[in-house]
């Protein structure tokens, strides 16, 4: 089972990757 924190953390990491491409 995943924690809400883990899920939000993954989202943040994805957003960071997207920002790096900018």
N, C-alpha and C. Protein backbone atom coordinates (compact mmCIF):
# COMPACT_ATOMS: atom_id res chain seq x y z
N UNK A 1 0.85 -1.21 0.00
CA UNK A 1 0.00 0.00 0.00
C UNK A 1 0.87 1.25 0.00
N UNK A 2 0.43 2.23 -0.74
CA UNK A 2 1.20 3.48 -0.84
C UNK A 2 0.67 4.52 0.11
N UNK A 3 1.58 5.30 0.62
CA UNK A 3 1.18 6.43 1.47
C UNK A 3 0.78 7.60 0.60
N UNK A 4 -0.02 8.49 1.15
CA UNK A 4 -0.36 9.70 0.40
C UNK A 4 0.90 10.52 0.19
N UNK A 5 1.77 10.49 1.20
CA UNK A 5 3.03 11.25 1.09
C UNK A 5 3.87 10.70 -0.06
N UNK A 6 3.93 9.40 -0.17
CA UNK A 6 4.73 8.81 -1.25
C UNK A 6 4.18 9.23 -2.60
N UNK A 7 2.87 9.19 -2.73
CA UNK A 7 2.26 9.57 -4.01
C UNK A 7 2.55 11.03 -4.33
N UNK A 8 2.38 11.90 -3.35
CA UNK A 8 2.63 13.32 -3.60
C UNK A 8 4.11 13.53 -3.89
N UNK A 9 4.96 12.76 -3.24
CA UNK A 9 6.40 12.89 -3.48
C UNK A 9 6.72 12.54 -4.93
N UNK A 10 6.10 11.48 -5.43
CA UNK A 10 6.34 11.09 -6.83
C UNK A 10 5.88 12.20 -7.76
N UNK A 11 4.75 12.80 -7.42
CA UNK A 11 4.23 13.89 -8.26
C UNK A 11 5.22 15.04 -8.29
N UNK A 12 5.76 15.36 -7.12
CA UNK A 12 6.73 16.47 -7.04
C UNK A 12 7.96 16.14 -7.88
N UNK A 13 8.42 14.91 -7.80
CA UNK A 13 9.60 14.53 -8.58
C UNK A 13 9.30 14.68 -10.07
N UNK A 14 8.11 14.28 -10.49
CA UNK A 14 7.75 14.41 -11.91
C UNK A 14 7.72 15.88 -12.30
N UNK A 15 7.15 16.71 -11.44
CA UNK A 15 7.08 18.14 -11.75
C UNK A 15 8.49 18.71 -11.85
N UNK A 16 9.37 18.27 -11.00
CA UNK A 16 10.76 18.76 -11.03
C UNK A 16 11.39 18.40 -12.36
N UNK A 17 11.19 17.18 -12.82
CA UNK A 17 11.77 16.75 -14.10
C UNK A 17 11.23 17.63 -15.22
N UNK A 18 9.94 17.90 -15.19
CA UNK A 18 9.33 18.74 -16.23
C UNK A 18 9.95 20.12 -16.20
N UNK A 19 10.15 20.65 -15.01
CA UNK A 19 10.72 22.00 -14.88
C UNK A 19 12.16 22.01 -15.40
N UNK A 20 12.88 20.94 -15.17
CA UNK A 20 14.27 20.90 -15.63
C UNK A 20 14.32 21.00 -17.15
N UNK A 21 13.34 20.42 -17.83
CA UNK A 21 13.33 20.48 -19.29
C UNK A 21 13.07 21.90 -19.77
N UNK A 22 12.38 22.69 -18.94
CA UNK A 22 12.13 24.08 -19.31
C UNK A 22 13.43 24.86 -19.15
